[in-house]
């Protein structure tokens, strides 16, 4: 069982790192305000600037969410690792107390 749990811990940690990396890359996406027409005249330019700010806020929020989920996955990996240690301790104790059964 500990091999299975160890694999689970590794998979959770990899997923957490991948998610954190994706969040960081997402926050780095910046096509520039001009892509949204922010340099345009009048109300169209203002609309472009508003759209660009909304784009930035949305990507920043998704990046923060990815970081939060990554932290949760690390916490889950720690919990599974602790549980696996408990199972190992129980197995070791059982084997010492009843070696003929193991």
C-alpha atoms as a PDB file:
ATOM      1  CA  UNK A   1       0.000   0.000   0.000  1.00  0.00           C
ATOM      2  CA  UNK A   2       2.813   2.410   0.768  1.00  0.00           C
ATOM      3  CA  UNK A   3       4.032   2.179  -2.844  1.00  0.00           C
ATOM      4  CA  UNK A   4       0.587   3.201  -4.051  1.00  0.00           C
ATOM      5  CA  UNK A   5       0.414   6.064  -1.566  1.00  0.00           C
ATOM      6  CA  UNK A   6       3.941   7.129  -2.416  1.00  0.00           C
ATOM      7  CA  UNK A   7       2.939   7.277  -6.075  1.00  0.00           C
ATOM      8  CA  UNK A   8      -0.108   9.290  -5.136  1.00  0.00           C
ATOM      9  CA  UNK A   9       2.022  11.767  -3.185  1.00  0.00           C
ATOM     10  CA  UNK A  10       4.373  12.147  -6.150  1.00  0.00           C
ATOM     11  CA  UNK A  11       1.474  12.643  -8.561  1.00  0.00           C
ATOM     12  CA  UNK A  12      -0.120  15.269  -6.288  1.00  0.00           C
ATOM     13  CA  UNK A  13       3.163  17.161  -5.988  1.00  0.00           C
ATOM     14  CA  UNK A  14       3.709  17.071  -9.772  1.00  0.00           C
ATOM     15  CA  UNK A  15       0.160  18.295 -10.352  1.00  0.00           C
ATOM     16  CA  UNK A  16       0.691  21.101  -7.839  1.00  0.00           C
ATOM     17  CA  UNK A  17       3.914  22.195  -9.546  1.00  0.00           C
ATOM     18  CA  UNK A  18       2.314  22.029 -13.004  1.00  0.00           C
ATOM     19  CA  UNK A  19      -0.636  24.078 -11.802  1.00  0.00           C
ATOM     20  CA  UNK A  20       1.612  26.684 -10.190  1.00  0.00           C
ATOM     21  CA  UNK A  21       3.660  26.899 -13.382  1.00  0.00           C
ATOM     22  CA  UNK A  22       0.532  27.275 -15.519  1.00  0.00           C
ATOM     23  CA  UNK A  23      -0.717  30.041 -13.226  1.00  0.00           C
ATOM     24  CA  UNK A  24       2.581  31.890 -13.514  1.00  0.00           C
ATOM     25  CA  UNK A  25       2.608  31.556 -17.292  1.00  0.00           C
ATOM     26  CA  UNK A  26      -1.003  32.708 -17.448  1.00  0.00           C
ATOM     27  CA  UNK A  27      -0.198  35.877 -15.524  1.00  0.00           C
ATOM     28  CA  UNK A  28       2.683  36.582 -17.885  1.00  0.00           C
ATOM     29  CA  UNK A  29       0.407  36.691 -20.942  1.00  0.00           C
ATOM     30  CA  UNK A  30       0.225  40.290 -22.064  1.00  0.00           C
ATOM     31  CA  UNK A  31      -0.694  41.034 -25.646  1.00  0.00           C
ATOM     32  CA  UNK A  32      -0.566  44.749 -24.854  1.00  0.00           C
ATOM     33  CA  UNK A  33      -3.307  47.306 -24.557  1.00  0.00           C
ATOM     34  CA  UNK A  34      -3.051  48.153 -28.246  1.00  0.00           C
ATOM     35  CA  UNK A  35      -4.357  44.674 -29.080  1.00  0.00           C
ATOM     36  CA  UNK A  36      -7.641  45.731 -27.503  1.00  0.00           C
ATOM     37  CA  UNK A  37      -7.711  49.011 -29.368  1.00  0.00           C
ATOM     38  CA  UNK A  38      -6.666  51.101 -26.369  1.00  0.00           C
ATOM     39  CA  UNK A  39      -4.796  53.503 -28.605  1.00  0.00           C
ATOM     40  CA  UNK A  40      -7.903  54.351 -30.574  1.00  0.00           C
ATOM     41  CA  UNK A  41      -9.599  57.713 -30.441  1.00  0.00           C
ATOM     42  CA  UNK A  42     -12.540  58.630 -28.249  1.00  0.00           C
ATOM     43  CA  UNK A  43     -14.936  56.093 -26.875  1.00  0.00           C
ATOM     44  CA  UNK A  44     -13.473  53.232 -28.885  1.00  0.00           C
ATOM     45  CA  UNK A  45     -10.077  53.849 -27.293  1.00  0.00           C
ATOM     46  CA  UNK A  46     -11.683  54.057 -23.855  1.00  0.00           C
ATOM     47  CA  UNK A  47     -13.497  50.785 -24.522  1.00  0.00           C
ATOM     48  CA  UNK A  48     -10.184  49.204 -25.559  1.00  0.00           C
ATOM     49  CA  UNK A  49      -8.536  50.387 -22.341  1.00  0.00           C
ATOM     50  CA  UNK A  50     -11.454  49.030 -20.286  1.00  0.00           C
ATOM     51  CA  UNK A  51     -11.272  45.690 -22.083  1.00  0.00           C
ATOM     52  CA  UNK A  52      -7.531  45.498 -21.507  1.00  0.00           C
ATOM     53  CA  UNK A  53      -7.932  46.210 -17.770  1.00  0.00           C
ATOM     54  CA  UNK A  54     -10.632  43.550 -17.576  1.00  0.00           C
ATOM     55  CA  UNK A  55      -8.321  41.107 -19.379  1.00  0.00           C
ATOM     56  CA  UNK A  56      -5.513  41.847 -16.926  1.00  0.00           C
ATOM     57  CA  UNK A  57      -7.788  41.429 -13.892  1.00  0.00           C
ATOM     58  CA  UNK A  58      -9.203  38.153 -15.211  1.00  0.00           C
ATOM     59  CA  UNK A  59      -5.780  36.649 -15.898  1.00  0.00           C
ATOM     60  CA  UNK A  60      -4.473  37.802 -12.541  1.00  0.00           C
ATOM     61  CA  UNK A  61      -7.471  36.246 -10.780  1.00  0.00           C
ATOM     62  CA  UNK A  62      -7.012  32.949 -12.635  1.00  0.00           C
ATOM     63  CA  UNK A  63      -3.312  33.003 -11.745  1.00  0.00           C
ATOM     64  CA  UNK A  64      -4.128  33.511  -8.058  1.00  0.00           C
ATOM     65  CA  UNK A  65      -6.682  30.690  -8.222  1.00  0.00           C
ATOM     66  CA  UNK A  66      -4.092  28.379  -9.774  1.00  0.00           C
ATOM     67  CA  UNK A  67      -1.635  29.249  -6.997  1.00  0.00           C
ATOM     68  CA  UNK A  68      -4.274  28.579  -4.331  1.00  0.00           C
ATOM     69  CA  UNK A  69      -5.186  25.220  -5.867  1.00  0.00           C
ATOM     70  CA  UNK A  70      -1.500  24.367  -6.118  1.00  0.00           C
ATOM     71  CA  UNK A  71      -1.084  25.071  -2.397  1.00  0.00           C
ATOM     72  CA  UNK A  72      -4.087  22.850  -1.635  1.00  0.00           C
ATOM     73  CA  UNK A  73      -2.589  20.023  -3.680  1.00  0.00           C
ATOM     74  CA  UNK A  74       0.677  20.356  -1.736  1.00  0.00           C
ATOM     75  CA  UNK A  75      -1.326  20.182   1.499  1.00  0.00           C
ATOM     76  CA  UNK A  76      -3.142  17.092   0.206  1.00  0.00           C
ATOM     77  CA  UNK A  77       0.185  15.485  -0.694  1.00  0.00           C
ATOM     78  CA  UNK A  78       1.436  16.192   2.834  1.00  0.00           C
ATOM     79  CA  UNK A  79      -1.703  14.611   4.313  1.00  0.00           C
ATOM     80  CA  UNK A  80      -1.379  11.497   2.149  1.00  0.00           C
ATOM     81  CA  UNK A  81       2.302  11.260   3.060  1.00  0.00           C
ATOM     82  CA  UNK A  82       1.435  11.465   6.755  1.00  0.00           C
ATOM     83  CA  UNK A  83      -1.236   8.793   6.321  1.00  0.00           C
ATOM     84  CA  UNK A  84       1.226   6.540   4.487  1.00  0.00           C
ATOM     85  CA  UNK A  85       3.659   6.942   7.380  1.00  0.00           C
ATOM     86  CA  UNK A  86       0.915   5.912   9.782  1.00  0.00           C
ATOM     87  CA  UNK A  87       0.133   2.821   7.711  1.00  0.00           C
ATOM     88  CA  UNK A  88       3.841   1.891   7.654  1.00  0.00           C
ATOM     89  CA  UNK A  89       4.024   2.272  11.435  1.00  0.00           C
ATOM     90  CA  UNK A  90       0.973   0.052  11.917  1.00  0.00           C
ATOM     91  CA  UNK A  91       2.370  -2.565   9.541  1.00  0.00           C
ATOM     92  CA  UNK A  92       5.752  -2.519  11.305  1.00  0.00           C
ATOM     93  CA  UNK A  93       4.135  -2.833  14.726  1.00  0.00           C
ATOM     94  CA  UNK A  94       1.885  -5.658  13.569  1.00  0.00           C
ATOM     95  CA  UNK A  95       4.820  -7.506  12.056  1.00  0.00           C
ATOM     96  CA  UNK A  96       6.860  -7.173  15.253  1.00  0.00           C
ATOM     97  CA  UNK A  97       3.981  -8.300  17.446  1.00  0.00           C
ATOM     98  CA  UNK A  98       2.780 -11.140  15.218  1.00  0.00           C
ATOM     99  CA  UNK A  99       5.602 -12.161  12.877  1.00  0.00           C
ATOM    100  CA  UNK A 100       3.987 -15.493  12.043  1.00  0.00           C
ATOM    101  CA  UNK A 101       0.996 -13.757  10.429  1.00  0.00           C
ATOM    102  CA  UNK A 102       3.100 -11.588   8.113  1.00  0.00           C
END
